[in-house]
Amino acid sequence: MDRAARIDQALAKRNYSPVLRLRIEKLLDGIEDRERLRCCNSGCFVCVQELLAILAEVEGGEAAASP
């Protein structure tokens, strides 16, 4: 499964819009710095903890897909 499909699958599992795929891709590609993501417990629409969980899930899938 390609990366875009894994991202879409992870978003769908959490009932998040596929529109977030671009942000996830930017985080995975290092365009957006994931070290700057901090949970502030303010009830964000998409908590950074969920973004980090999606990143881990997609990266775990990449590791599993590698020979």
PDB file of N, CA and C in Angstrom:
ATOM      1  N   MET A   1       0.850  -1.174   0.000  1.00  0.00           N
ATOM      2  CA  MET A   1       0.000   0.000   0.000  1.00  0.00           C
ATOM      3  C   MET A   1       0.897   1.239   0.000  1.00  0.00           C
ATOM      4  N   ASP A   2       0.587   2.196  -0.845  1.00  0.00           N
ATOM      5  CA  ASP A   2       1.424   3.392  -0.905  1.00  0.00           C
ATOM      6  C   ASP A   2       1.133   4.331   0.271  1.00  0.00           C
ATOM      7  N   ARG A   3       2.007   5.294   0.440  1.00  0.00           N
ATOM      8  CA  ARG A   3       1.933   6.189   1.597  1.00  0.00           C
ATOM      9  C   ARG A   3       0.620   6.965   1.640  1.00  0.00           C
ATOM     10  N   ALA A   4       0.180   7.487   0.521  1.00  0.00           N
ATOM     11  CA  ALA A   4      -1.067   8.255   0.490  1.00  0.00           C
ATOM     12  C   ALA A   4      -2.244   7.398   0.950  1.00  0.00           C
ATOM     13  N   ALA A   5      -2.272   6.155   0.525  1.00  0.00           N
ATOM     14  CA  ALA A   5      -3.350   5.249   0.927  1.00  0.00           C
ATOM     15  C   ALA A   5      -3.282   4.948   2.421  1.00  0.00           C
ATOM     16  N   ARG A   6      -2.065   4.774   2.950  1.00  0.00           N
ATOM     17  CA  ARG A   6      -1.923   4.528   4.391  1.00  0.00           C
ATOM     18  C   ARG A   6      -2.372   5.743   5.196  1.00  0.00           C
ATOM     19  N   ILE A   7      -2.038   6.935   4.704  1.00  0.00           N
ATOM     20  CA  ILE A   7      -2.468   8.157   5.388  1.00  0.00           C
ATOM     21  C   ILE A   7      -3.992   8.248   5.365  1.00  0.00           C
ATOM     22  N   ASP A   8      -4.584   8.047   4.200  1.00  0.00           N
ATOM     23  CA  ASP A   8      -6.044   8.108   4.081  1.00  0.00           C
ATOM     24  C   ASP A   8      -6.717   7.077   4.978  1.00  0.00           C
ATOM     25  N   GLN A   9      -6.136   5.889   5.060  1.00  0.00           N
ATOM     26  CA  GLN A   9      -6.692   4.837   5.907  1.00  0.00           C
ATOM     27  C   GLN A   9      -6.624   5.239   7.383  1.00  0.00           C
ATOM     28  N   ALA A  10      -5.500   5.802   7.805  1.00  0.00           N
ATOM     29  CA  ALA A  10      -5.349   6.236   9.197  1.00  0.00           C
ATOM     30  C   ALA A  10      -6.312   7.373   9.522  1.00  0.00           C
ATOM     31  N   LEU A  11      -6.512   8.281   8.584  1.00  0.00           N
ATOM     32  CA  LEU A  11      -7.458   9.384   8.797  1.00  0.00           C
ATOM     33  C   LEU A  11      -8.887   8.860   8.870  1.00  0.00           C
ATOM     34  N   ALA A  12      -9.238   7.957   7.974  1.00  0.00           N
ATOM     35  CA  ALA A  12     -10.594   7.403   7.949  1.00  0.00           C
ATOM     36  C   ALA A  12     -10.903   6.639   9.231  1.00  0.00           C
ATOM     37  N   LYS A  13      -9.910   5.925   9.748  1.00  0.00           N
ATOM     38  CA  LYS A  13     -10.098   5.166  10.985  1.00  0.00           C
ATOM     39  C   LYS A  13     -10.493   6.084  12.143  1.00  0.00           C
ATOM     40  N   ARG A  14     -10.033   7.338  12.083  1.00  0.00           N
ATOM     41  CA  ARG A  14     -10.314   8.312  13.141  1.00  0.00           C
ATOM     42  C   ARG A  14     -11.427   9.291  12.755  1.00  0.00           C
ATOM     43  N   ASN A  15     -12.059   9.029  11.620  1.00  0.00           N
ATOM     44  CA  ASN A  15     -13.111   9.906  11.093  1.00  0.00           C
ATOM     45  C   ASN A  15     -12.629  11.326  10.832  1.00  0.00           C
ATOM     46  N   TYR A  16     -11.383  11.475  10.387  1.00  0.00           N
ATOM     47  CA  TYR A  16     -10.842  12.778  10.002  1.00  0.00           C
ATOM     48  C   TYR A  16     -10.929  12.928   8.491  1.00  0.00           C
ATOM     49  N   SER A  17     -11.059  14.154   8.058  1.00  0.00           N
ATOM     50  CA  SER A  17     -11.165  14.458   6.632  1.00  0.00           C
ATOM     51  C   SER A  17      -9.856  14.145   5.905  1.00  0.00           C
ATOM     52  N   PRO A  18      -9.958  13.630   4.671  1.00  0.00           N
ATOM     53  CA  PRO A  18      -8.759  13.407   3.859  1.00  0.00           C
ATOM     54  C   PRO A  18      -7.999  14.699   3.557  1.00  0.00           C
ATOM     55  N   VAL A  19      -8.627  15.836   3.807  1.00  0.00           N
ATOM     56  CA  VAL A  19      -7.967  17.130   3.608  1.00  0.00           C
ATOM     57  C   VAL A  19      -6.705  17.222   4.470  1.00  0.00           C
ATOM     58  N   LEU A  20      -6.680  16.509   5.586  1.00  0.00           N
ATOM     59  CA  LEU A  20      -5.520  16.533   6.480  1.00  0.00           C
ATOM     60  C   LEU A  20      -4.320  15.782   5.912  1.00  0.00           C
ATOM     61  N   ARG A  21      -4.511  15.048   4.813  1.00  0.00           N
ATOM     62  CA  ARG A  21      -3.390  14.286   4.247  1.00  0.00           C
ATOM     63  C   ARG A  21      -2.213  15.192   3.902  1.00  0.00           C
ATOM     64  N   LEU A  22      -2.480  16.379   3.378  1.00  0.00           N
ATOM     65  CA  LEU A  22      -1.399  17.303   3.017  1.00  0.00           C
ATOM     66  C   LEU A  22      -0.557  17.661   4.240  1.00  0.00           C
ATOM     67  N   ARG A  23      -1.208  17.915   5.368  1.00  0.00           N
ATOM     68  CA  ARG A  23      -0.452  18.250   6.580  1.00  0.00           C
ATOM     69  C   ARG A  23       0.376  17.056   7.045  1.00  0.00           C
ATOM     70  N   ILE A  24      -0.203  15.877   7.012  1.00  0.00           N
ATOM     71  CA  ILE A  24       0.526  14.667   7.400  1.00  0.00           C
ATOM     72  C   ILE A  24       1.726  14.471   6.474  1.00  0.00           C
ATOM     73  N   GLU A  25       1.530  14.666   5.176  1.00  0.00           N
ATOM     74  CA  GLU A  25       2.641  14.527   4.228  1.00  0.00           C
ATOM     75  C   GLU A  25       3.741  15.540   4.519  1.00  0.00           C
ATOM     76  N   LYS A  26       3.370  16.777   4.840  1.00  0.00           N
ATOM     77  CA  LYS A  26       4.369  17.796   5.167  1.00  0.00           C
ATOM     78  C   LYS A  26       5.150  17.415   6.419  1.00  0.00           C
ATOM     79  N   LEU A  27       4.472  16.839   7.399  1.00  0.00           N
ATOM     80  CA  LEU A  27       5.158  16.390   8.613  1.00  0.00           C
ATOM     81  C   LEU A  27       6.099  15.227   8.298  1.00  0.00           C
ATOM     82  N   LEU A  28       5.642  14.285   7.500  1.00  0.00           N
ATOM     83  CA  LEU A  28       6.474  13.136   7.139  1.00  0.00           C
ATOM     84  C   LEU A  28       7.688  13.542   6.316  1.00  0.00           C
ATOM     85  N   ASP A  29       7.513  14.546   5.456  1.00  0.00           N
ATOM     86  CA  ASP A  29       8.600  14.991   4.583  1.00  0.00           C
ATOM     87  C   ASP A  29       9.526  15.998   5.250  1.00  0.00           C
ATOM     88  N   GLY A  30       9.212  16.403   6.476  1.00  0.00           N
ATOM     89  CA  GLY A  30      10.062  17.355   7.181  1.00  0.00           C
ATOM     90  C   GLY A  30       9.828  18.805   6.785  1.00  0.00           C
ATOM     91  N   ILE A  31       8.811  19.057   5.975  1.00  0.00           N
ATOM     92  CA  ILE A  31       8.483  20.435   5.598  1.00  0.00           C
ATOM     93  C   ILE A  31       7.932  21.172   6.815  1.00  0.00           C
ATOM     94  N   GLU A  32       7.110  20.483   7.585  1.00  0.00           N
ATOM     95  CA  GLU A  32       6.627  21.006   8.864  1.00  0.00           C
ATOM     96  C   GLU A  32       7.351  20.236   9.965  1.00  0.00           C
ATOM     97  N   ASP A  33       7.874  20.948  10.937  1.00  0.00           N
ATOM     98  CA  ASP A  33       8.670  20.345  12.004  1.00  0.00           C
ATOM     99  C   ASP A  33       7.771  19.721  13.065  1.00  0.00           C
ATOM    100  N   ARG A  34       7.810  18.397  13.162  1.00  0.00           N
ATOM    101  CA  ARG A  34       6.959  17.713  14.140  1.00  0.00           C
ATOM    102  C   ARG A  34       7.383  17.987  15.580  1.00  0.00           C
ATOM    103  N   GLU A  35       8.626  18.435  15.775  1.00  0.00           N
ATOM    104  CA  GLU A  35       9.093  18.770  17.125  1.00  0.00           C
ATOM    105  C   GLU A  35       8.361  19.987  17.689  1.00  0.00           C
ATOM    106  N   ARG A  36       7.757  20.765  16.811  1.00  0.00           N
ATOM    107  CA  ARG A  36       7.016  21.952  17.255  1.00  0.00           C
ATOM    108  C   ARG A  36       5.592  21.615  17.665  1.00  0.00           C
ATOM    109  N   LEU A  37       5.157  20.390  17.413  1.00  0.00           N
ATOM    110  CA  LEU A  37       3.808  19.985  17.788  1.00  0.00           C
ATOM    111  C   LEU A  37       3.752  19.740  19.292  1.00  0.00           C
ATOM    112  N   ARG A  38       2.902  20.463  19.955  1.00  0.00           N
ATOM    113  CA  ARG A  38       2.737  20.313  21.401  1.00  0.00           C
ATOM    114  C   ARG A  38       1.251  20.308  21.728  1.00  0.00           C
ATOM    115  N   CYS A  39       0.833  19.363  22.531  1.00  0.00           N
ATOM    116  CA  CYS A  39      -0.561  19.311  22.963  1.00  0.00           C
ATOM    117  C   CYS A  39      -0.767  20.344  24.070  1.00  0.00           C
ATOM    118  N   CYS A  40      -1.771  21.183  23.884  1.00  0.00           N
ATOM    119  CA  CYS A  40      -2.046  22.223  24.876  1.00  0.00           C
ATOM    120  C   CYS A  40      -3.342  21.945  25.630  1.00  0.00           C
ATOM    121  N   ASN A  41      -3.963  20.787  25.372  1.00  0.00           N
ATOM    122  CA  ASN A  41      -5.204  20.389  26.036  1.00  0.00           C
ATOM    123  C   ASN A  41      -6.311  21.423  25.891  1.00  0.00           C
ATOM    124  N   SER A  42      -6.364  22.073  24.730  1.00  0.00           N
ATOM    125  CA  SER A  42      -7.389  23.094  24.515  1.00  0.00           C
ATOM    126  C   SER A  42      -8.571  22.583  23.685  1.00  0.00           C
ATOM    127  N   GLY A  43      -8.576  21.300  23.388  1.00  0.00           N
ATOM    128  CA  GLY A  43      -9.689  20.734  22.635  1.00  0.00           C
ATOM    129  C   GLY A  43      -9.656  21.073  21.158  1.00  0.00           C
ATOM    130  N   CYS A  44      -8.469  21.071  20.580  1.00  0.00           N
ATOM    131  CA  CYS A  44      -8.310  21.371  19.151  1.00  0.00           C
ATOM    132  C   CYS A  44      -9.173  20.433  18.313  1.00  0.00           C
ATOM    133  N   PHE A  45      -9.506  20.884  17.116  1.00  0.00           N
ATOM    134  CA  PHE A  45     -10.262  20.041  16.188  1.00  0.00           C
ATOM    135  C   PHE A  45      -9.514  18.736  15.932  1.00  0.00           C
ATOM    136  N   VAL A  46      -8.226  18.842  15.706  1.00  0.00           N
ATOM    137  CA  VAL A  46      -7.364  17.669  15.554  1.00  0.00           C
ATOM    138  C   VAL A  46      -6.203  17.842  16.521  1.00  0.00           C
ATOM    139  N   CYS A  47      -6.213  17.077  17.581  1.00  0.00           N
ATOM    140  CA  CYS A  47      -5.164  17.171  18.601  1.00  0.00           C
ATOM    141  C   CYS A  47      -3.823  16.714  18.019  1.00  0.00           C
ATOM    142  N   VAL A  48      -2.778  17.386  18.409  1.00  0.00           N
ATOM    143  CA  VAL A  48      -1.454  17.002  17.912  1.00  0.00           C
ATOM    144  C   VAL A  48      -1.098  15.583  18.340  1.00  0.00           C
ATOM    145  N   GLN A  49      -1.654  15.119  19.438  1.00  0.00           N
ATOM    146  CA  GLN A  49      -1.407  13.733  19.842  1.00  0.00           C
ATOM    147  C   GLN A  49      -1.943  12.772  18.781  1.00  0.00           C
ATOM    148  N   GLU A  50      -3.087  13.115  18.190  1.00  0.00           N
ATOM    149  CA  GLU A  50      -3.640  12.292  17.112  1.00  0.00           C
ATOM    150  C   GLU A  50      -2.781  12.394  15.855  1.00  0.00           C
ATOM    151  N   LEU A  51      -2.290  13.597  15.559  1.00  0.00           N
ATOM    152  CA  LEU A  51      -1.395  13.745  14.403  1.00  0.00           C
ATOM    153  C   LEU A  51      -0.153  12.880  14.577  1.00  0.00           C
ATOM    154  N   LEU A  52       0.417  12.899  15.771  1.00  0.00           N
ATOM    155  CA  LEU A  52       1.608  12.091  16.035  1.00  0.00           C
ATOM    156  C   LEU A  52       1.293  10.598  15.940  1.00  0.00           C
ATOM    157  N   ALA A  53       0.105  10.201  16.396  1.00  0.00           N
ATOM    158  CA  ALA A  53      -0.295   8.797  16.294  1.00  0.00           C
ATOM    159  C   ALA A  53      -0.442   8.383  14.828  1.00  0.00           C
ATOM    160  N   ILE A  54      -0.988   9.278  14.011  1.00  0.00           N
ATOM    161  CA  ILE A  54      -1.122   8.989  12.581  1.00  0.00           C
ATOM    162  C   ILE A  54       0.256   8.873  11.940  1.00  0.00           C
ATOM    163  N   LEU A  55       1.162   9.786  12.293  1.00  0.00           N
ATOM    164  CA  LEU A  55       2.528   9.713  11.760  1.00  0.00           C
ATOM    165  C   LEU A  55       3.172   8.382  12.117  1.00  0.00           C
ATOM    166  N   ALA A  56       3.035   7.969  13.369  1.00  0.00           N
ATOM    167  CA  ALA A  56       3.626   6.703  13.808  1.00  0.00           C
ATOM    168  C   ALA A  56       3.017   5.526  13.053  1.00  0.00           C
ATOM    169  N   GLU A  57       1.713   5.577  12.846  1.00  0.00           N
ATOM    170  CA  GLU A  57       1.037   4.496  12.129  1.00  0.00           C
ATOM    171  C   GLU A  57       1.517   4.414  10.679  1.00  0.00           C
ATOM    172  N   VAL A  58       1.615   5.554  10.019  1.00  0.00           N
ATOM    173  CA  VAL A  58       2.055   5.571   8.619  1.00  0.00           C
ATOM    174  C   VAL A  58       3.517   5.155   8.521  1.00  0.00           C
ATOM    175  N   GLU A  59       4.351   5.664   9.415  1.00  0.00           N
ATOM    176  CA  GLU A  59       5.771   5.294   9.396  1.00  0.00           C
ATOM    177  C   GLU A  59       5.959   3.827   9.728  1.00  0.00           C
ATOM    178  N   GLY A  60       5.143   3.286  10.611  1.00  0.00           N
ATOM    179  CA  GLY A  60       5.198   1.864  10.919  1.00  0.00           C
ATOM    180  C   GLY A  60       4.847   1.026   9.707  1.00  0.00           C
ATOM    181  N   GLY A  61       3.894   1.504   8.914  1.00  0.00           N
ATOM    182  CA  GLY A  61       3.521   0.826   7.679  1.00  0.00           C
ATOM    183  C   GLY A  61       4.628   0.880   6.650  1.00  0.00           C
ATOM    184  N   GLU A  62       5.370   2.005   6.624  1.00  0.00           N
ATOM    185  CA  GLU A  62       6.499   2.127   5.700  1.00  0.00           C
ATOM    186  C   GLU A  62       7.591   1.139   6.078  1.00  0.00           C
ATOM    187  N   ALA A  63       7.827   0.986   7.375  1.00  0.00           N
ATOM    188  CA  ALA A  63       8.856   0.053   7.829  1.00  0.00           C
ATOM    189  C   ALA A  63       8.451  -1.382   7.493  1.00  0.00           C
ATOM    190  N   ALA A  64       7.161  -1.687   7.645  1.00  0.00           N
ATOM    191  CA  ALA A  64       6.683  -3.031   7.347  1.00  0.00           C
ATOM    192  C   ALA A  64       6.731  -3.312   5.847  1.00  0.00           C
ATOM    193  N   ALA A  65       6.570  -2.270   5.035  1.00  0.00           N
ATOM    194  CA  ALA A  65       6.579  -2.451   3.583  1.00  0.00           C
ATOM    195  C   ALA A  65       7.992  -2.552   3.020  1.00  0.00           C
ATOM    196  N   SER A  66       8.984  -2.100   3.769  1.00  0.00           N
ATOM    197  CA  SER A  66      10.373  -2.157   3.297  1.00  0.00           C
ATOM    198  C   SER A  66      10.895  -3.580   3.371  1.00  0.00           C
ATOM    199  N   PRO A  67      11.755  -3.978   2.416  1.00  0.00           N
ATOM    200  CA  PRO A  67      12.285  -5.356   2.428  1.00  0.00           C
ATOM    201  C   PRO A  67      13.256  -5.583   3.560  1.00  0.00           C
TER     202      PRO A  67
END
